[in-house]
PDB file of all heavy atoms in Angstrom:
ATOM      1  N   TYR A   1      89.824  99.330 111.226  1.00  0.00           N
ATOM      2  CA  TYR A   1      90.986  98.438 111.209  1.00  0.00           C
ATOM      3  C   TYR A   1      91.339  98.129 109.757  1.00  0.00           C
ATOM      4  O   TYR A   1      90.533  97.515 109.041  1.00  0.00           O
ATOM      5  CB  TYR A   1      90.730  97.132 111.959  1.00  0.00           C
ATOM      6  CG  TYR A   1      91.857  96.140 111.726  1.00  0.00           C
ATOM      7  CD1 TYR A   1      93.118  96.367 112.258  1.00  0.00           C
ATOM      8  CD2 TYR A   1      91.669  95.034 110.915  1.00  0.00           C
ATOM      9  CE1 TYR A   1      94.166  95.506 112.007  1.00  0.00           C
ATOM     10  CE2 TYR A   1      92.715  94.155 110.647  1.00  0.00           C
ATOM     11  CZ  TYR A   1      93.959  94.399 111.200  1.00  0.00           C
ATOM     12  OH  TYR A   1      95.000  93.553 110.935  1.00  0.00           O
ATOM     13  N   TYR A   2      92.511  98.570 109.309  1.00  0.00           N
ATOM     14  CA  TYR A   2      93.012  98.274 107.967  1.00  0.00           C
ATOM     15  C   TYR A   2      94.170  97.280 108.078  1.00  0.00           C
ATOM     16  O   TYR A   2      95.103  97.499 108.862  1.00  0.00           O
ATOM     17  CB  TYR A   2      93.534  99.552 107.293  1.00  0.00           C
ATOM     18  CG  TYR A   2      92.554 100.226 106.346  1.00  0.00           C
ATOM     19  CD1 TYR A   2      91.191 100.034 106.470  1.00  0.00           C
ATOM     20  CD2 TYR A   2      93.011 101.064 105.335  1.00  0.00           C
ATOM     21  CE1 TYR A   2      90.302 100.664 105.609  1.00  0.00           C
ATOM     22  CE2 TYR A   2      92.131 101.699 104.465  1.00  0.00           C
ATOM     23  CZ  TYR A   2      90.776 101.493 104.607  1.00  0.00           C
ATOM     24  OH  TYR A   2      89.907 102.113 103.757  1.00  0.00           O
ATOM     25  N   SER A   3      94.104  96.229 107.289  1.00  0.00           N
ATOM     26  CA  SER A   3      95.253  95.326 107.162  1.00  0.00           C
ATOM     27  C   SER A   3      96.314  95.994 106.291  1.00  0.00           C
ATOM     28  O   SER A   3      96.061  97.008 105.634  1.00  0.00           O
ATOM     29  CB  SER A   3      94.816  94.010 106.522  1.00  0.00           C
ATOM     30  OG  SER A   3      94.445  94.240 105.169  1.00  0.00           O
ATOM     31  N   GLU A   4      97.506  95.398 106.249  1.00  0.00           N
ATOM     32  CA  GLU A   4      98.573  95.967 105.430  1.00  0.00           C
ATOM     33  C   GLU A   4      98.176  95.999 103.961  1.00  0.00           C
ATOM     34  O   GLU A   4      98.424  96.979 103.254  1.00  0.00           O
ATOM     35  CB  GLU A   4      99.873  95.166 105.600  1.00  0.00           C
ATOM     36  CG  GLU A   4     101.036  95.745 104.799  1.00  0.00           C
ATOM     37  CD  GLU A   4     102.331  94.971 104.996  1.00  0.00           C
ATOM     38  OE1 GLU A   4     102.326  94.018 105.796  1.00  0.00           O
ATOM     39  OE2 GLU A   4     103.330  95.326 104.344  1.00  0.00           O
ATOM     40  N   LYS A   5      97.538  94.936 103.490  1.00  0.00           N
ATOM     41  CA  LYS A   5      97.176  94.876 102.074  1.00  0.00           C
ATOM     42  C   LYS A   5      96.143  95.948 101.725  1.00  0.00           C
ATOM     43  O   LYS A   5      96.246  96.609 100.676  1.00  0.00           O
ATOM     44  CB  LYS A   5      96.644  93.487 101.722  1.00  0.00           C
ATOM     45  CG  LYS A   5      96.359  93.322 100.242  1.00  0.00           C
ATOM     46  CD  LYS A   5      95.971  91.895  99.911  1.00  0.00           C
ATOM     47  CE  LYS A   5      95.722  91.725  98.406  1.00  0.00           C
ATOM     48  NZ  LYS A   5      95.349  90.322  98.063  1.00  0.00           N
ATOM     49  N   THR A   6      95.153  96.123 102.609  1.00  0.00           N
ATOM     50  CA  THR A   6      94.142  97.150 102.368  1.00  0.00           C
ATOM     51  C   THR A   6      94.781  98.530 102.391  1.00  0.00           C
ATOM     52  O   THR A   6      94.441  99.409 101.588  1.00  0.00           O
ATOM     53  CB  THR A   6      93.026  97.058 103.421  1.00  0.00           C
ATOM     54  OG1 THR A   6      92.450  95.748 103.389  1.00  0.00           O
ATOM     55  CG2 THR A   6      91.929  98.084 103.164  1.00  0.00           C
ATOM     56  N   TRP A   7      95.748  98.730 103.304  1.00  0.00           N
ATOM     57  CA  TRP A   7      96.481 100.001 103.327  1.00  0.00           C
ATOM     58  C   TRP A   7      97.215 100.224 102.002  1.00  0.00           C
ATOM     59  O   TRP A   7      97.163 101.311 101.429  1.00  0.00           O
ATOM     60  CB  TRP A   7      97.481  99.990 104.488  1.00  0.00           C
ATOM     61  CG  TRP A   7      98.438 101.137 104.410  1.00  0.00           C
ATOM     62  CD1 TRP A   7      98.233 102.403 104.860  1.00  0.00           C
ATOM     63  CD2 TRP A   7      99.719 101.130 103.790  1.00  0.00           C
ATOM     64  NE1 TRP A   7      99.314 103.202 104.568  1.00  0.00           N
ATOM     65  CE2 TRP A   7     100.248 102.442 103.906  1.00  0.00           C
ATOM     66  CE3 TRP A   7     100.480 100.159 103.140  1.00  0.00           C
ATOM     67  CZ2 TRP A   7     101.494 102.791 103.405  1.00  0.00           C
ATOM     68  CZ3 TRP A   7     101.722 100.505 102.644  1.00  0.00           C
ATOM     69  CH2 TRP A   7     102.230 101.808 102.778  1.00  0.00           C
ATOM     70  N   GLN A   8      97.894  99.191 101.517  1.00  0.00           N
ATOM     71  CA  GLN A   8      98.660  99.329 100.271  1.00  0.00           C
ATOM     72  C   GLN A   8      97.757  99.728  99.112  1.00  0.00           C
ATOM     73  O   GLN A   8      98.125 100.535  98.259  1.00  0.00           O
ATOM     74  CB  GLN A   8      99.381  98.020  99.951  1.00  0.00           C
ATOM     75  CG  GLN A   8     100.559  97.715 100.862  1.00  0.00           C
ATOM     76  CD  GLN A   8     101.139  96.337 100.618  1.00  0.00           C
ATOM     77  OE1 GLN A   8     100.479  95.466 100.051  1.00  0.00           O
ATOM     78  NE2 GLN A   8     102.392  96.132 101.043  1.00  0.00           N
ATOM     79  N   GLN A   9      96.563  99.168  99.076  1.00  0.00           N
ATOM     80  CA  GLN A   9      95.637  99.446  97.984  1.00  0.00           C
ATOM     81  C   GLN A   9      95.096 100.878  98.045  1.00  0.00           C
ATOM     82  O   GLN A   9      94.780 101.481  97.011  1.00  0.00           O
ATOM     83  CB  GLN A   9      94.464  98.455  98.026  1.00  0.00           C
ATOM     84  CG  GLN A   9      94.869  97.024  97.687  1.00  0.00           C
ATOM     85  CD  GLN A   9      93.723  96.050  97.945  1.00  0.00           C
ATOM     86  OE1 GLN A   9      92.775  96.371  98.660  1.00  0.00           O
ATOM     87  NE2 GLN A   9      93.819  94.860  97.352  1.00  0.00           N
ATOM     88  N   ASN A  10      95.012 101.429  99.244  1.00  0.00           N
ATOM     89  CA  ASN A  10      94.285 102.698  99.411  1.00  0.00           C
ATOM     90  C   ASN A  10      95.148 103.881  99.817  1.00  0.00           C
ATOM     91  O   ASN A  10      94.711 105.038  99.701  1.00  0.00           O
ATOM     92  CB  ASN A  10      93.164 102.517 100.438  1.00  0.00           C
ATOM     93  CG  ASN A  10      92.103 101.566  99.936  1.00  0.00           C
ATOM     94  OD1 ASN A  10      91.408 101.864  98.974  1.00  0.00           O
ATOM     95  ND2 ASN A  10      91.971 100.415 100.582  1.00  0.00           N
ATOM     96  N   ALA A  11      96.361 103.635 100.277  1.00  0.00           N
ATOM     97  CA  ALA A  11      97.200 104.744 100.750  1.00  0.00           C
ATOM     98  C   ALA A  11      97.408 105.817  99.683  1.00  0.00           C
ATOM     99  O   ALA A  11      97.323 107.027  99.986  1.00  0.00           O
ATOM    100  CB  ALA A  11      98.537 104.207 101.259  1.00  0.00           C
ATOM    101  N   PRO A  12      97.705 105.461  98.432  1.00  0.00           N
ATOM    102  CA  PRO A  12      97.887 106.523  97.425  1.00  0.00           C
ATOM    103  C   PRO A  12      96.643 107.387  97.237  1.00  0.00           C
ATOM    104  O   PRO A  12      96.743 108.603  97.026  1.00  0.00           O
ATOM    105  CB  PRO A  12      98.231 105.739  96.149  1.00  0.00           C
ATOM    106  CG  PRO A  12      98.763 104.429  96.634  1.00  0.00           C
ATOM    107  CD  PRO A  12      97.983 104.122  97.865  1.00  0.00           C
ATOM    108  N   LYS A  13      95.482 106.773  97.309  1.00  0.00           N
ATOM    109  CA  LYS A  13      94.232 107.517  97.133  1.00  0.00           C
ATOM    110  C   LYS A  13      94.039 108.493  98.293  1.00  0.00           C
ATOM    111  O   LYS A  13      93.652 109.659  98.096  1.00  0.00           O
ATOM    112  CB  LYS A  13      93.047 106.556  97.069  1.00  0.00           C
ATOM    113  CG  LYS A  13      93.195 105.458  96.025  1.00  0.00           C
ATOM    114  CD  LYS A  13      92.131 104.377  96.223  1.00  0.00           C
ATOM    115  CE  LYS A  13      92.442 103.143  95.371  1.00  0.00           C
ATOM    116  NZ  LYS A  13      91.497 102.039  95.635  1.00  0.00           N
ATOM    117  N   ILE A  14      94.313 107.997  99.509  1.00  0.00           N
ATOM    118  CA  ILE A  14      94.148 108.838 100.697  1.00  0.00           C
ATOM    119  C   ILE A  14      95.129 110.006 100.655  1.00  0.00           C
ATOM    120  O   ILE A  14      94.772 111.156 100.947  1.00  0.00           O
ATOM    121  CB  ILE A  14      94.343 107.998 101.974  1.00  0.00           C
ATOM    122  CG1 ILE A  14      93.287 106.878 102.026  1.00  0.00           C
ATOM    123  CG2 ILE A  14      94.245 108.871 103.224  1.00  0.00           C
ATOM    124  CD1 ILE A  14      93.586 105.809 103.051  1.00  0.00           C
ATOM    125  N   ALA A  15      96.363 109.716 100.260  1.00  0.00           N
ATOM    126  CA  ALA A  15      97.380 110.772 100.193  1.00  0.00           C
ATOM    127  C   ALA A  15      97.001 111.831  99.166  1.00  0.00           C
ATOM    128  O   ALA A  15      97.187 113.042  99.389  1.00  0.00           O
ATOM    129  CB  ALA A  15      98.736 110.157  99.864  1.00  0.00           C
ATOM    130  N   ARG A  16      96.478 111.394  98.032  1.00  0.00           N
ATOM    131  CA  ARG A  16      96.071 112.370  97.003  1.00  0.00           C
ATOM    132  C   ARG A  16      94.942 113.268  97.520  1.00  0.00           C
ATOM    133  O   ARG A  16      94.935 114.488  97.288  1.00  0.00           O
ATOM    134  CB  ARG A  16      95.636 111.635  95.727  1.00  0.00           C
ATOM    135  CG  ARG A  16      96.792 111.071  94.908  1.00  0.00           C
ATOM    136  CD  ARG A  16      96.339 110.673  93.519  1.00  0.00           C
ATOM    137  NE  ARG A  16      95.385 109.569  93.530  1.00  0.00           N
ATOM    138  CZ  ARG A  16      95.727 108.274  93.447  1.00  0.00           C
ATOM    139  NH1 ARG A  16      97.009 107.921  93.371  1.00  0.00           N
ATOM    140  NH2 ARG A  16      94.803 107.346  93.435  1.00  0.00           N
ATOM    141  N   LEU A  17      93.986 112.680  98.217  1.00  0.00           N
ATOM    142  CA  LEU A  17      92.877 113.469  98.769  1.00  0.00           C
ATOM    143  C   LEU A  17      93.383 114.451  99.816  1.00  0.00           C
ATOM    144  O   LEU A  17      92.909 115.598  99.894  1.00  0.00           O
ATOM    145  CB  LEU A  17      91.821 112.539  99.366  1.00  0.00           C
ATOM    146  CG  LEU A  17      91.033 111.691  98.357  1.00  0.00           C
ATOM    147  CD1 LEU A  17      90.142 110.690  99.072  1.00  0.00           C
ATOM    148  CD2 LEU A  17      90.190 112.583  97.448  1.00  0.00           C
ATOM    149  N   ALA A  18      94.345 114.029 100.642  1.00  0.00           N
ATOM    150  CA  ALA A  18      94.897 114.920 101.655  1.00  0.00           C
ATOM    151  C   ALA A  18      95.595 116.108 100.996  1.00  0.00           C
ATOM    152  O   ALA A  18      95.443 117.265 101.420  1.00  0.00           O
ATOM    153  CB  ALA A  18      95.869 114.162 102.550  1.00  0.00           C
ATOM    154  N   ARG A  19      96.372 115.827  99.945  1.00  0.00           N
ATOM    155  CA  ARG A  19      97.077 116.922  99.272  1.00  0.00           C
ATOM    156  C   ARG A  19      96.115 117.836  98.532  1.00  0.00           C
ATOM    157  O   ARG A  19      96.380 119.035  98.367  1.00  0.00           O
ATOM    158  CB  ARG A  19      98.129 116.336  98.338  1.00  0.00           C
ATOM    159  CG  ARG A  19      99.280 115.681  99.108  1.00  0.00           C
ATOM    160  CD  ARG A  19     100.417 115.209  98.237  1.00  0.00           C
ATOM    161  NE  ARG A  19     101.517 114.739  99.082  1.00  0.00           N
ATOM    162  CZ  ARG A  19     101.885 113.461  99.203  1.00  0.00           C
ATOM    163  NH1 ARG A  19     101.248 112.514  98.518  1.00  0.00           N
ATOM    164  NH2 ARG A  19     102.885 113.128 100.004  1.00  0.00           N
ATOM    165  N   LEU A  20      94.998 117.286  98.083  1.00  0.00           N
ATOM    166  CA  LEU A  20      93.961 118.119  97.469  1.00  0.00           C
ATOM    167  C   LEU A  20      93.500 119.205  98.430  1.00  0.00           C
ATOM    168  O   LEU A  20      93.182 120.330  98.024  1.00  0.00           O
ATOM    169  CB  LEU A  20      92.778 117.245  97.041  1.00  0.00           C
ATOM    170  CG  LEU A  20      91.537 117.965  96.501  1.00  0.00           C
ATOM    171  CD1 LEU A  20      91.863 118.662  95.182  1.00  0.00           C
ATOM    172  CD2 LEU A  20      90.383 116.975  96.315  1.00  0.00           C
ATOM    173  N   GLU A  21      93.497 118.875  99.710  1.00  0.00           N
ATOM    174  CA  GLU A  21      93.071 119.837 100.728  1.00  0.00           C
ATOM    175  C   GLU A  21      94.250 120.599 101.326  1.00  0.00           C
ATOM    176  O   GLU A  21      94.087 121.341 102.299  1.00  0.00           O
ATOM    177  CB  GLU A  21      92.291 119.109 101.831  1.00  0.00           C
ATOM    178  CG  GLU A  21      90.991 118.513 101.316  1.00  0.00           C
ATOM    179  CD  GLU A  21      90.106 117.982 102.423  1.00  0.00           C
ATOM    180  OE1 GLU A  21      90.581 117.868 103.573  1.00  0.00           O
ATOM    181  OE2 GLU A  21      88.929 117.701 102.143  1.00  0.00           O
ATOM    182  N   GLY A  22      95.459 120.397 100.767  1.00  0.00           N
ATOM    183  CA  GLY A  22      96.615 121.139 101.239  1.00  0.00           C
ATOM    184  C   GLY A  22      97.166 120.664 102.563  1.00  0.00           C
ATOM    185  O   GLY A  22      97.828 121.431 103.276  1.00  0.00           O
ATOM    186  N   LEU A  23      96.894 119.405 102.921  1.00  0.00           N
ATOM    187  CA  LEU A  23      97.321 118.879 104.211  1.00  0.00           C
ATOM    188  C   LEU A  23      98.402 117.823 103.994  1.00  0.00           C
ATOM    189  O   LEU A  23      98.152 116.612 104.009  1.00  0.00           O
ATOM    190  CB  LEU A  23      96.117 118.308 104.971  1.00  0.00           C
ATOM    191  CG  LEU A  23      95.041 119.354 105.306  1.00  0.00           C
ATOM    192  CD1 LEU A  23      93.815 118.695 105.891  1.00  0.00           C
ATOM    193  CD2 LEU A  23      95.599 120.414 106.248  1.00  0.00           C
ATOM    194  N   GLU A  24      99.637 118.299 103.777  1.00  0.00           N
ATOM    195  CA  GLU A  24     100.755 117.414 103.477  1.00  0.00           C
ATOM    196  C   GLU A  24     101.053 116.460 104.626  1.00  0.00           C
ATOM    197  O   GLU A  24     101.423 115.300 104.411  1.00  0.00           O
ATOM    198  CB  GLU A  24     102.005 118.262 103.173  1.00  0.00           C
ATOM    199  CG  GLU A  24     103.248 117.454 102.844  1.00  0.00           C
ATOM    200  CD  GLU A  24     103.111 116.629 101.571  1.00  0.00           C
ATOM    201  OE1 GLU A  24     102.264 116.998 100.708  1.00  0.00           O
ATOM    202  OE2 GLU A  24     103.838 115.631 101.439  1.00  0.00           O
ATOM    203  N   GLY A  25     100.835 116.956 105.874  1.00  0.00           N
ATOM    204  CA  GLY A  25     101.081 116.098 107.030  1.00  0.00           C
ATOM    205  C   GLY A  25     100.189 114.877 107.035  1.00  0.00           C
ATOM    206  O   GLY A  25     100.611 113.779 107.416  1.00  0.00           O
TER     207      GLY A  25
END
């Protein structure tokens, strides 16, 4: 369970890791 604030803090990191693996979706 992520709150909105926790999502805001971590979404860029998660997105970068996903793109590192070539998973744009």
